[in-house]
Amino acid sequence: MVKKNQEVKHVVVHLPFHVMGMISFAISILGLFLSYVIPFLLQIIALILGHMALKDFNAQPDRYSGKGFVTASLIISYVIIGLYLFAIFVFGAGLLGLIGLLSR
């Protein structure tokens, strides 16, 4: 209980960002722009780092901040890999169709 003349101090604790999580986010964003040059490589690195950082977050939730960045990096990496696999499938199906038409 606070008395009338007593001063109240508020302490704000800023948790440090998880470094591996921030690196994962940076690599996944970089992979958005360089994925045409280096397909899959940056996204796979971002996925590995992101899952390692998420494991740390779940083990010690009150030690780090920036879980949203890790989640965003995982979502971005999975979406880019999914789009690449879809593009490869569509291109492969089109190529097989073209070969089928030419072989008649």
PDB file of N, CA and C in Angstrom:
ATOM      1  N   MET A   1       0.836  -1.168   0.000  1.00  0.00           N
ATOM      2  CA  MET A   1       0.000   0.000   0.000  1.00  0.00           C
ATOM      3  C   MET A   1       0.888   1.240   0.000  1.00  0.00           C
ATOM      4  N   VAL A   2       0.507   2.231  -0.771  1.00  0.00           N
ATOM      5  CA  VAL A   2       1.284   3.451  -0.930  1.00  0.00           C
ATOM      6  C   VAL A   2       0.741   4.513   0.014  1.00  0.00           C
ATOM      7  N   LYS A   3       1.643   5.076   0.798  1.00  0.00           N
ATOM      8  CA  LYS A   3       1.237   6.166   1.697  1.00  0.00           C
ATOM      9  C   LYS A   3       1.192   7.475   0.926  1.00  0.00           C
ATOM     10  N   LYS A   4       0.649   8.496   1.542  1.00  0.00           N
ATOM     11  CA  LYS A   4       0.394   9.761   0.878  1.00  0.00           C
ATOM     12  C   LYS A   4       1.682  10.434   0.378  1.00  0.00           C
ATOM     13  N   ASN A   5       2.722  10.467   1.133  1.00  0.00           N
ATOM     14  CA  ASN A   5       3.952  11.161   0.765  1.00  0.00           C
ATOM     15  C   ASN A   5       5.013  10.221   0.193  1.00  0.00           C
ATOM     16  N   GLN A   6       4.664   8.996  -0.034  1.00  0.00           N
ATOM     17  CA  GLN A   6       5.637   8.013  -0.504  1.00  0.00           C
ATOM     18  C   GLN A   6       5.728   8.069  -2.030  1.00  0.00           C
ATOM     19  N   GLU A   7       6.941   8.021  -2.532  1.00  0.00           N
ATOM     20  CA  GLU A   7       7.165   8.070  -3.975  1.00  0.00           C
ATOM     21  C   GLU A   7       7.053   6.663  -4.564  1.00  0.00           C
ATOM     22  N   VAL A   8       6.396   6.573  -5.682  1.00  0.00           N
ATOM     23  CA  VAL A   8       6.225   5.288  -6.356  1.00  0.00           C
ATOM     24  C   VAL A   8       7.166   5.254  -7.552  1.00  0.00           C
ATOM     25  N   LYS A   9       7.974   4.213  -7.631  1.00  0.00           N
ATOM     26  CA  LYS A   9       8.908   4.061  -8.741  1.00  0.00           C
ATOM     27  C   LYS A   9       8.443   2.909  -9.616  1.00  0.00           C
ATOM     28  N   HIS A  10       8.461   3.153 -10.900  1.00  0.00           N
ATOM     29  CA  HIS A  10       8.102   2.117 -11.864  1.00  0.00           C
ATOM     30  C   HIS A  10       9.377   1.642 -12.545  1.00  0.00           C
ATOM     31  N   VAL A  11       9.536   0.380 -12.580  1.00  0.00           N
ATOM     32  CA  VAL A  11      10.709  -0.205 -13.217  1.00  0.00           C
ATOM     33  C   VAL A  11      10.241  -0.945 -14.464  1.00  0.00           C
ATOM     34  N   VAL A  12      10.792  -0.557 -15.602  1.00  0.00           N
ATOM     35  CA  VAL A  12      10.461  -1.198 -16.866  1.00  0.00           C
ATOM     36  C   VAL A  12      11.642  -2.071 -17.262  1.00  0.00           C
ATOM     37  N   VAL A  13      11.382  -3.330 -17.443  1.00  0.00           N
ATOM     38  CA  VAL A  13      12.428  -4.270 -17.817  1.00  0.00           C
ATOM     39  C   VAL A  13      12.314  -4.543 -19.311  1.00  0.00           C
ATOM     40  N   HIS A  14      13.372  -4.231 -20.019  1.00  0.00           N
ATOM     41  CA  HIS A  14      13.412  -4.512 -21.451  1.00  0.00           C
ATOM     42  C   HIS A  14      14.201  -5.793 -21.658  1.00  0.00           C
ATOM     43  N   LEU A  15      13.529  -6.779 -22.182  1.00  0.00           N
ATOM     44  CA  LEU A  15      14.202  -8.041 -22.461  1.00  0.00           C
ATOM     45  C   LEU A  15      14.985  -7.913 -23.767  1.00  0.00           C
ATOM     46  N   PRO A  16      16.133  -8.535 -23.857  1.00  0.00           N
ATOM     47  CA  PRO A  16      16.908  -8.452 -25.097  1.00  0.00           C
ATOM     48  C   PRO A  16      16.259  -9.301 -26.192  1.00  0.00           C
ATOM     49  N   PHE A  17      16.452  -8.850 -27.418  1.00  0.00           N
ATOM     50  CA  PHE A  17      15.988  -9.648 -28.552  1.00  0.00           C
ATOM     51  C   PHE A  17      16.838 -10.906 -28.655  1.00  0.00           C
ATOM     52  N   HIS A  18      16.229 -11.956 -29.140  1.00  0.00           N
ATOM     53  CA  HIS A  18      16.965 -13.199 -29.369  1.00  0.00           C
ATOM     54  C   HIS A  18      17.772 -13.003 -30.648  1.00  0.00           C
ATOM     55  N   VAL A  19      19.088 -13.071 -30.547  1.00  0.00           N
ATOM     56  CA  VAL A  19      19.963 -12.765 -31.680  1.00  0.00           C
ATOM     57  C   VAL A  19      19.740 -13.744 -32.830  1.00  0.00           C
ATOM     58  N   MET A  20      19.641 -15.015 -32.513  1.00  0.00           N
ATOM     59  CA  MET A  20      19.435 -16.011 -33.564  1.00  0.00           C
ATOM     60  C   MET A  20      18.088 -15.788 -34.261  1.00  0.00           C
ATOM     61  N   GLY A  21      17.088 -15.367 -33.501  1.00  0.00           N
ATOM     62  CA  GLY A  21      15.785 -15.079 -34.090  1.00  0.00           C
ATOM     63  C   GLY A  21      15.835 -13.884 -35.025  1.00  0.00           C
ATOM     64  N   MET A  22      16.591 -12.858 -34.646  1.00  0.00           N
ATOM     65  CA  MET A  22      16.714 -11.679 -35.501  1.00  0.00           C
ATOM     66  C   MET A  22      17.508 -11.998 -36.769  1.00  0.00           C
ATOM     67  N   ILE A  23      18.531 -12.832 -36.629  1.00  0.00           N
ATOM     68  CA  ILE A  23      19.300 -13.245 -37.809  1.00  0.00           C
ATOM     69  C   ILE A  23      18.419 -14.074 -38.732  1.00  0.00           C
ATOM     70  N   SER A  24      17.603 -14.928 -38.162  1.00  0.00           N
ATOM     71  CA  SER A  24      16.668 -15.731 -38.952  1.00  0.00           C
ATOM     72  C   SER A  24      15.701 -14.842 -39.718  1.00  0.00           C
ATOM     73  N   PHE A  25      15.190 -13.800 -39.058  1.00  0.00           N
ATOM     74  CA  PHE A  25      14.269 -12.871 -39.719  1.00  0.00           C
ATOM     75  C   PHE A  25      14.974 -12.129 -40.847  1.00  0.00           C
ATOM     76  N   ALA A  26      16.192 -11.665 -40.593  1.00  0.00           N
ATOM     77  CA  ALA A  26      16.941 -10.936 -41.619  1.00  0.00           C
ATOM     78  C   ALA A  26      17.241 -11.829 -42.827  1.00  0.00           C
ATOM     79  N   ILE A  27      17.608 -13.070 -42.578  1.00  0.00           N
ATOM     80  CA  ILE A  27      17.910 -13.984 -43.685  1.00  0.00           C
ATOM     81  C   ILE A  27      16.649 -14.318 -44.476  1.00  0.00           C
ATOM     82  N   SER A  28      15.515 -14.470 -43.795  1.00  0.00           N
ATOM     83  CA  SER A  28      14.284 -14.781 -44.526  1.00  0.00           C
ATOM     84  C   SER A  28      13.848 -13.599 -45.391  1.00  0.00           C
ATOM     85  N   ILE A  29      14.020 -12.361 -44.892  1.00  0.00           N
ATOM     86  CA  ILE A  29      13.705 -11.183 -45.711  1.00  0.00           C
ATOM     87  C   ILE A  29      14.684 -11.067 -46.868  1.00  0.00           C
ATOM     88  N   LEU A  30      15.956 -11.311 -46.610  1.00  0.00           N
ATOM     89  CA  LEU A  30      16.957 -11.291 -47.674  1.00  0.00           C
ATOM     90  C   LEU A  30      16.652 -12.376 -48.709  1.00  0.00           C
ATOM     91  N   GLY A  31      16.180 -13.518 -48.232  1.00  0.00           N
ATOM     92  CA  GLY A  31      15.820 -14.604 -49.138  1.00  0.00           C
ATOM     93  C   GLY A  31      14.644 -14.277 -50.034  1.00  0.00           C
ATOM     94  N   LEU A  32      13.775 -13.354 -49.605  1.00  0.00           N
ATOM     95  CA  LEU A  32      12.681 -12.914 -50.471  1.00  0.00           C
ATOM     96  C   LEU A  32      13.209 -12.274 -51.748  1.00  0.00           C
ATOM     97  N   PHE A  33      14.281 -11.507 -51.611  1.00  0.00           N
ATOM     98  CA  PHE A  33      14.817 -10.770 -52.747  1.00  0.00           C
ATOM     99  C   PHE A  33      15.895 -11.531 -53.503  1.00  0.00           C
ATOM    100  N   LEU A  34      16.590 -12.441 -52.837  1.00  0.00           N
ATOM    101  CA  LEU A  34      17.650 -13.199 -53.495  1.00  0.00           C
ATOM    102  C   LEU A  34      17.248 -14.641 -53.796  1.00  0.00           C
ATOM    103  N   SER A  35      15.986 -14.966 -53.623  1.00  0.00           N
ATOM    104  CA  SER A  35      15.566 -16.352 -53.824  1.00  0.00           C
ATOM    105  C   SER A  35      15.637 -16.768 -55.288  1.00  0.00           C
ATOM    106  N   TYR A  36      15.687 -15.804 -56.197  1.00  0.00           N
ATOM    107  CA  TYR A  36      15.823 -16.162 -57.603  1.00  0.00           C
ATOM    108  C   TYR A  36      17.275 -16.460 -57.949  1.00  0.00           C
ATOM    109  N   VAL A  37      18.187 -15.916 -57.158  1.00  0.00           N
ATOM    110  CA  VAL A  37      19.614 -16.151 -57.382  1.00  0.00           C
ATOM    111  C   VAL A  37      20.064 -17.425 -56.668  1.00  0.00           C
ATOM    112  N   ILE A  38      19.662 -17.557 -55.405  1.00  0.00           N
ATOM    113  CA  ILE A  38      20.049 -18.700 -54.584  1.00  0.00           C
ATOM    114  C   ILE A  38      18.763 -19.378 -54.086  1.00  0.00           C
ATOM    115  N   PRO A  39      18.126 -20.193 -54.915  1.00  0.00           N
ATOM    116  CA  PRO A  39      16.861 -20.783 -54.466  1.00  0.00           C
ATOM    117  C   PRO A  39      17.052 -21.764 -53.311  1.00  0.00           C
ATOM    118  N   PHE A  40      16.149 -21.709 -52.373  1.00  0.00           N
ATOM    119  CA  PHE A  40      16.045 -22.608 -51.214  1.00  0.00           C
ATOM    120  C   PHE A  40      17.118 -22.404 -50.153  1.00  0.00           C
ATOM    121  N   LEU A  41      18.324 -22.009 -50.489  1.00  0.00           N
ATOM    122  CA  LEU A  41      19.423 -22.004 -49.525  1.00  0.00           C
ATOM    123  C   LEU A  41      19.157 -21.055 -48.354  1.00  0.00           C
ATOM    124  N   LEU A  42      18.841 -19.813 -48.642  1.00  0.00           N
ATOM    125  CA  LEU A  42      18.614 -18.852 -47.561  1.00  0.00           C
ATOM    126  C   LEU A  42      17.376 -19.203 -46.750  1.00  0.00           C
ATOM    127  N   GLN A  43      16.342 -19.717 -47.407  1.00  0.00           N
ATOM    128  CA  GLN A  43      15.124 -20.065 -46.686  1.00  0.00           C
ATOM    129  C   GLN A  43      15.373 -21.248 -45.742  1.00  0.00           C
ATOM    130  N   ILE A  44      16.157 -22.206 -46.174  1.00  0.00           N
ATOM    131  CA  ILE A  44      16.456 -23.358 -45.321  1.00  0.00           C
ATOM    132  C   ILE A  44      17.298 -22.925 -44.124  1.00  0.00           C
ATOM    133  N   ILE A  45      18.257 -22.034 -44.343  1.00  0.00           N
ATOM    134  CA  ILE A  45      19.054 -21.509 -43.226  1.00  0.00           C
ATOM    135  C   ILE A  45      18.161 -20.756 -42.248  1.00  0.00           C
ATOM    136  N   ALA A  46      17.244 -19.938 -42.776  1.00  0.00           N
ATOM    137  CA  ALA A  46      16.325 -19.184 -41.918  1.00  0.00           C
ATOM    138  C   ALA A  46      15.399 -20.120 -41.144  1.00  0.00           C
ATOM    139  N   LEU A  47      14.970 -21.209 -41.772  1.00  0.00           N
ATOM    140  CA  LEU A  47      14.114 -22.180 -41.073  1.00  0.00           C
ATOM    141  C   LEU A  47      14.862 -22.848 -39.920  1.00  0.00           C
ATOM    142  N   ILE A  48      16.091 -23.238 -40.169  1.00  0.00           N
ATOM    143  CA  ILE A  48      16.869 -23.903 -39.116  1.00  0.00           C
ATOM    144  C   ILE A  48      17.099 -22.953 -37.938  1.00  0.00           C
ATOM    145  N   LEU A  49      17.549 -21.730 -38.241  1.00  0.00           N
ATOM    146  CA  LEU A  49      17.793 -20.759 -37.172  1.00  0.00           C
ATOM    147  C   LEU A  49      16.493 -20.381 -36.457  1.00  0.00           C
ATOM    148  N   GLY A  50      15.414 -20.249 -37.216  1.00  0.00           N
ATOM    149  CA  GLY A  50      14.136 -19.884 -36.624  1.00  0.00           C
ATOM    150  C   GLY A  50      13.603 -20.947 -35.684  1.00  0.00           C
ATOM    151  N   HIS A  51      13.723 -22.198 -36.073  1.00  0.00           N
ATOM    152  CA  HIS A  51      13.254 -23.280 -35.188  1.00  0.00           C
ATOM    153  C   HIS A  51      14.134 -23.411 -33.945  1.00  0.00           C
ATOM    154  N   MET A  52      15.434 -23.152 -34.092  1.00  0.00           N
ATOM    155  CA  MET A  52      16.307 -23.176 -32.913  1.00  0.00           C
ATOM    156  C   MET A  52      15.950 -22.036 -31.954  1.00  0.00           C
ATOM    157  N   ALA A  53      15.675 -20.850 -32.513  1.00  0.00           N
ATOM    158  CA  ALA A  53      15.295 -19.709 -31.671  1.00  0.00           C
ATOM    159  C   ALA A  53      13.933 -19.945 -31.016  1.00  0.00           C
ATOM    160  N   LEU A  54      13.000 -20.535 -31.749  1.00  0.00           N
ATOM    161  CA  LEU A  54      11.674 -20.816 -31.182  1.00  0.00           C
ATOM    162  C   LEU A  54      11.774 -21.834 -30.055  1.00  0.00           C
ATOM    163  N   LYS A  55      12.683 -22.777 -30.181  1.00  0.00           N
ATOM    164  CA  LYS A  55      12.908 -23.745 -29.105  1.00  0.00           C
ATOM    165  C   LYS A  55      13.422 -23.034 -27.856  1.00  0.00           C
ATOM    166  N   ASP A  56      14.335 -22.074 -28.040  1.00  0.00           N
ATOM    167  CA  ASP A  56      14.818 -21.288 -26.899  1.00  0.00           C
ATOM    168  C   ASP A  56      13.698 -20.475 -26.258  1.00  0.00           C
ATOM    169  N   PHE A  57      12.846 -19.880 -27.098  1.00  0.00           N
ATOM    170  CA  PHE A  57      11.718 -19.110 -26.564  1.00  0.00           C
ATOM    171  C   PHE A  57      10.789 -19.978 -25.731  1.00  0.00           C
ATOM    172  N   ASN A  58      10.490 -21.139 -26.241  1.00  0.00           N
ATOM    173  CA  ASN A  58       9.567 -22.025 -25.511  1.00  0.00           C
ATOM    174  C   ASN A  58      10.193 -22.569 -24.233  1.00  0.00           C
ATOM    175  N   ALA A  59      11.504 -22.741 -24.224  1.00  0.00           N
ATOM    176  CA  ALA A  59      12.176 -23.239 -23.026  1.00  0.00           C
ATOM    177  C   ALA A  59      12.290 -22.162 -21.954  1.00  0.00           C
ATOM    178  N   GLN A  60      12.547 -20.916 -22.370  1.00  0.00           N
ATOM    179  CA  GLN A  60      12.722 -19.807 -21.432  1.00  0.00           C
ATOM    180  C   GLN A  60      11.927 -18.595 -21.922  1.00  0.00           C
ATOM    181  N   PRO A  61      10.607 -18.587 -21.732  1.00  0.00           N
ATOM    182  CA  PRO A  61       9.786 -17.520 -22.321  1.00  0.00           C
ATOM    183  C   PRO A  61      10.005 -16.143 -21.708  1.00  0.00           C
ATOM    184  N   ASP A  62      10.522 -16.067 -20.491  1.00  0.00           N
ATOM    185  CA  ASP A  62      10.702 -14.764 -19.859  1.00  0.00           C
ATOM    186  C   ASP A  62      12.120 -14.209 -20.008  1.00  0.00           C
ATOM    187  N   ARG A  63      12.935 -14.823 -20.836  1.00  0.00           N
ATOM    188  CA  ARG A  63      14.326 -14.380 -20.992  1.00  0.00           C
ATOM    189  C   ARG A  63      14.528 -13.488 -22.219  1.00  0.00           C
ATOM    190  N   TYR A  64      13.758 -13.731 -23.297  1.00  0.00           N
ATOM    191  CA  TYR A  64      13.959 -13.019 -24.552  1.00  0.00           C
ATOM    192  C   TYR A  64      12.673 -12.337 -24.997  1.00  0.00           C
ATOM    193  N   SER A  65      12.839 -11.374 -25.900  1.00  0.00           N
ATOM    194  CA  SER A  65      11.694 -10.783 -26.580  1.00  0.00           C
ATOM    195  C   SER A  65      11.911 -10.948 -28.086  1.00  0.00           C
ATOM    196  N   GLY A  66      10.907 -10.646 -28.858  1.00  0.00           N
ATOM    197  CA  GLY A  66      11.019 -10.743 -30.306  1.00  0.00           C
ATOM    198  C   GLY A  66      10.516 -12.045 -30.880  1.00  0.00           C
ATOM    199  N   LYS A  67       9.585 -12.696 -30.187  1.00  0.00           N
ATOM    200  CA  LYS A  67       9.059 -13.967 -30.693  1.00  0.00           C
ATOM    201  C   LYS A  67       8.278 -13.767 -31.989  1.00  0.00           C
ATOM    202  N   GLY A  68       7.697 -12.592 -32.157  1.00  0.00           N
ATOM    203  CA  GLY A  68       6.968 -12.296 -33.390  1.00  0.00           C
ATOM    204  C   GLY A  68       7.871 -12.286 -34.611  1.00  0.00           C
ATOM    205  N   PHE A  69       9.100 -11.809 -34.437  1.00  0.00           N
ATOM    206  CA  PHE A  69      10.054 -11.820 -35.546  1.00  0.00           C
ATOM    207  C   PHE A  69      10.399 -13.253 -35.951  1.00  0.00           C
ATOM    208  N   VAL A  70      10.554 -14.116 -34.978  1.00  0.00           N
ATOM    209  CA  VAL A  70      10.881 -15.515 -35.268  1.00  0.00           C
ATOM    210  C   VAL A  70       9.710 -16.184 -35.983  1.00  0.00           C
ATOM    211  N   THR A  71       8.496 -15.930 -35.485  1.00  0.00           N
ATOM    212  CA  THR A  71       7.310 -16.500 -36.123  1.00  0.00           C
ATOM    213  C   THR A  71       7.165 -15.983 -37.551  1.00  0.00           C
ATOM    214  N   ALA A  72       7.404 -14.703 -37.753  1.00  0.00           N
ATOM    215  CA  ALA A  72       7.318 -14.127 -39.101  1.00  0.00           C
ATOM    216  C   ALA A  72       8.362 -14.724 -40.022  1.00  0.00           C
ATOM    217  N   SER A  73       9.564 -14.945 -39.518  1.00  0.00           N
ATOM    218  CA  SER A  73      10.605 -15.527 -40.373  1.00  0.00           C
ATOM    219  C   SER A  73      10.255 -16.958 -40.769  1.00  0.00           C
ATOM    220  N   LEU A  74       9.662 -17.715 -39.842  1.00  0.00           N
ATOM    221  CA  LEU A  74       9.251 -19.078 -40.176  1.00  0.00           C
ATOM    222  C   LEU A  74       8.135 -19.073 -41.217  1.00  0.00           C
ATOM    223  N   ILE A  75       7.165 -18.179 -41.048  1.00  0.00           N
ATOM    224  CA  ILE A  75       6.056 -18.107 -42.012  1.00  0.00           C
ATOM    225  C   ILE A  75       6.576 -17.704 -43.385  1.00  0.00           C
ATOM    226  N   ILE A  76       7.429 -16.680 -43.440  1.00  0.00           N
ATOM    227  CA  ILE A  76       7.977 -16.225 -44.722  1.00  0.00           C
ATOM    228  C   ILE A  76       8.763 -17.346 -45.396  1.00  0.00           C
ATOM    229  N   SER A  77       9.582 -18.040 -44.645  1.00  0.00           N
ATOM    230  CA  SER A  77      10.405 -19.103 -45.229  1.00  0.00           C
ATOM    231  C   SER A  77       9.556 -20.251 -45.754  1.00  0.00           C
ATOM    232  N   TYR A  78       8.556 -20.676 -44.963  1.00  0.00           N
ATOM    233  CA  TYR A  78       7.688 -21.760 -45.430  1.00  0.00           C
ATOM    234  C   TYR A  78       6.880 -21.355 -46.664  1.00  0.00           C
ATOM    235  N   VAL A  79       6.412 -20.118 -46.704  1.00  0.00           N
ATOM    236  CA  VAL A  79       5.632 -19.661 -47.863  1.00  0.00           C
ATOM    237  C   VAL A  79       6.509 -19.614 -49.108  1.00  0.00           C
ATOM    238  N   ILE A  80       7.723 -19.096 -48.986  1.00  0.00           N
ATOM    239  CA  ILE A  80       8.619 -19.018 -50.153  1.00  0.00           C
ATOM    240  C   ILE A  80       8.979 -20.413 -50.652  1.00  0.00           C
ATOM    241  N   ILE A  81       9.272 -21.329 -49.747  1.00  0.00           N
ATOM    242  CA  ILE A  81       9.591 -22.699 -50.161  1.00  0.00           C
ATOM    243  C   ILE A  81       8.369 -23.355 -50.812  1.00  0.00           C
ATOM    244  N   GLY A  82       7.195 -23.122 -50.255  1.00  0.00           N
ATOM    245  CA  GLY A  82       5.968 -23.666 -50.850  1.00  0.00           C
ATOM    246  C   GLY A  82       5.715 -23.106 -52.242  1.00  0.00           C
ATOM    247  N   LEU A  83       5.931 -21.810 -52.430  1.00  0.00           N
ATOM    248  CA  LEU A  83       5.747 -21.214 -53.755  1.00  0.00           C
ATOM    249  C   LEU A  83       6.754 -21.758 -54.758  1.00  0.00           C
ATOM    250  N   TYR A  84       7.986 -21.966 -54.303  1.00  0.00           N
ATOM    251  CA  TYR A  84       8.979 -22.559 -55.195  1.00  0.00           C
ATOM    252  C   TYR A  84       8.609 -23.979 -55.600  1.00  0.00           C
ATOM    253  N   LEU A  85       8.179 -24.774 -54.645  1.00  0.00           N
ATOM    254  CA  LEU A  85       7.788 -26.149 -54.984  1.00  0.00           C
ATOM    255  C   LEU A  85       6.588 -26.166 -55.918  1.00  0.00           C
ATOM    256  N   PHE A  86       5.641 -25.251 -55.701  1.00  0.00           N
ATOM    257  CA  PHE A  86       4.485 -25.152 -56.592  1.00  0.00           C
ATOM    258  C   PHE A  86       4.927 -24.744 -57.996  1.00  0.00           C
ATOM    259  N   ALA A  87       5.836 -23.778 -58.095  1.00  0.00           N
ATOM    260  CA  ALA A  87       6.323 -23.336 -59.404  1.00  0.00           C
ATOM    261  C   ALA A  87       7.072 -24.457 -60.120  1.00  0.00           C
ATOM    262  N   ILE A  88       7.872 -25.205 -59.379  1.00  0.00           N
ATOM    263  CA  ILE A  88       8.585 -26.333 -59.983  1.00  0.00           C
ATOM    264  C   ILE A  88       7.600 -27.384 -60.491  1.00  0.00           C
ATOM    265  N   PHE A  89       6.552 -27.647 -59.713  1.00  0.00           N
ATOM    266  CA  PHE A  89       5.544 -28.622 -60.128  1.00  0.00           C
ATOM    267  C   PHE A  89       4.815 -28.149 -61.382  1.00  0.00           C
ATOM    268  N   VAL A  90       4.405 -26.895 -61.418  1.00  0.00           N
ATOM    269  CA  VAL A  90       3.689 -26.362 -62.580  1.00  0.00           C
ATOM    270  C   VAL A  90       4.600 -26.351 -63.805  1.00  0.00           C
ATOM    271  N   PHE A  91       5.832 -25.912 -63.628  1.00  0.00           N
ATOM    272  CA  PHE A  91       6.771 -25.897 -64.745  1.00  0.00           C
ATOM    273  C   PHE A  91       7.048 -27.315 -65.243  1.00  0.00           C
ATOM    274  N   GLY A  92       7.217 -28.255 -64.314  1.00  0.00           N
ATOM    275  CA  GLY A  92       7.466 -29.645 -64.700  1.00  0.00           C
ATOM    276  C   GLY A  92       6.283 -30.263 -65.419  1.00  0.00           C
ATOM    277  N   ALA A  93       5.071 -29.977 -64.929  1.00  0.00           N
ATOM    278  CA  ALA A  93       3.878 -30.507 -65.593  1.00  0.00           C
ATOM    279  C   ALA A  93       3.720 -29.899 -66.987  1.00  0.00           C
ATOM    280  N   GLY A  94       4.009 -28.617 -67.111  1.00  0.00           N
ATOM    281  CA  GLY A  94       3.933 -27.978 -68.424  1.00  0.00           C
ATOM    282  C   GLY A  94       4.979 -28.517 -69.377  1.00  0.00           C
ATOM    283  N   LEU A  95       6.161 -28.764 -68.864  1.00  0.00           N
ATOM    284  CA  LEU A  95       7.232 -29.313 -69.694  1.00  0.00           C
ATOM    285  C   LEU A  95       6.893 -30.731 -70.153  1.00  0.00           C
ATOM    286  N   LEU A  96       6.347 -31.530 -69.243  1.00  0.00           N
ATOM    287  CA  LEU A  96       5.934 -32.888 -69.635  1.00  0.00           C
ATOM    288  C   LEU A  96       4.803 -32.849 -70.649  1.00  0.00           C
ATOM    289  N   GLY A  97       3.881 -31.906 -70.483  1.00  0.00           N
ATOM    290  CA  GLY A  97       2.806 -31.761 -71.473  1.00  0.00           C
ATOM    291  C   GLY A  97       3.326 -31.352 -72.828  1.00  0.00           C
ATOM    292  N   LEU A  98       4.284 -30.464 -72.856  1.00  0.00           N
ATOM    293  CA  LEU A  98       4.877 -30.025 -74.105  1.00  0.00           C
ATOM    294  C   LEU A  98       5.641 -31.162 -74.780  1.00  0.00           C
ATOM    295  N   ILE A  99       6.348 -31.946 -74.002  1.00  0.00           N
ATOM    296  CA  ILE A  99       7.056 -33.085 -74.569  1.00  0.00           C
ATOM    297  C   ILE A  99       6.062 -34.110 -75.118  1.00  0.00           C
ATOM    298  N   GLY A 100       4.946 -34.288 -74.418  1.00  0.00           N
ATOM    299  CA  GLY A 100       3.902 -35.201 -74.907  1.00  0.00           C
ATOM    300  C   GLY A 100       3.297 -34.741 -76.208  1.00  0.00           C
ATOM    301  N   LEU A 101       3.096 -33.431 -76.359  1.00  0.00           N
ATOM    302  CA  LEU A 101       2.548 -32.911 -77.609  1.00  0.00           C
ATOM    303  C   LEU A 101       3.544 -33.022 -78.764  1.00  0.00           C
ATOM    304  N   LEU A 102       4.796 -32.816 -78.466  1.00  0.00           N
ATOM    305  CA  LEU A 102       5.822 -32.874 -79.524  1.00  0.00           C
ATOM    306  C   LEU A 102       6.139 -34.298 -79.964  1.00  0.00           C
ATOM    307  N   SER A 103       5.859 -35.274 -79.097  1.00  0.00           N
ATOM    308  CA  SER A 103       6.192 -36.650 -79.448  1.00  0.00           C
ATOM    309  C   SER A 103       5.130 -37.330 -80.289  1.00  0.00           C
ATOM    310  N   ARG A 104       4.027 -36.686 -80.562  1.00  0.00           N
ATOM    311  CA  ARG A 104       2.954 -37.301 -81.378  1.00  0.00           C
ATOM    312  C   ARG A 104       3.292 -37.299 -82.823  1.00  0.00           C
TER     313      ARG A 104
END
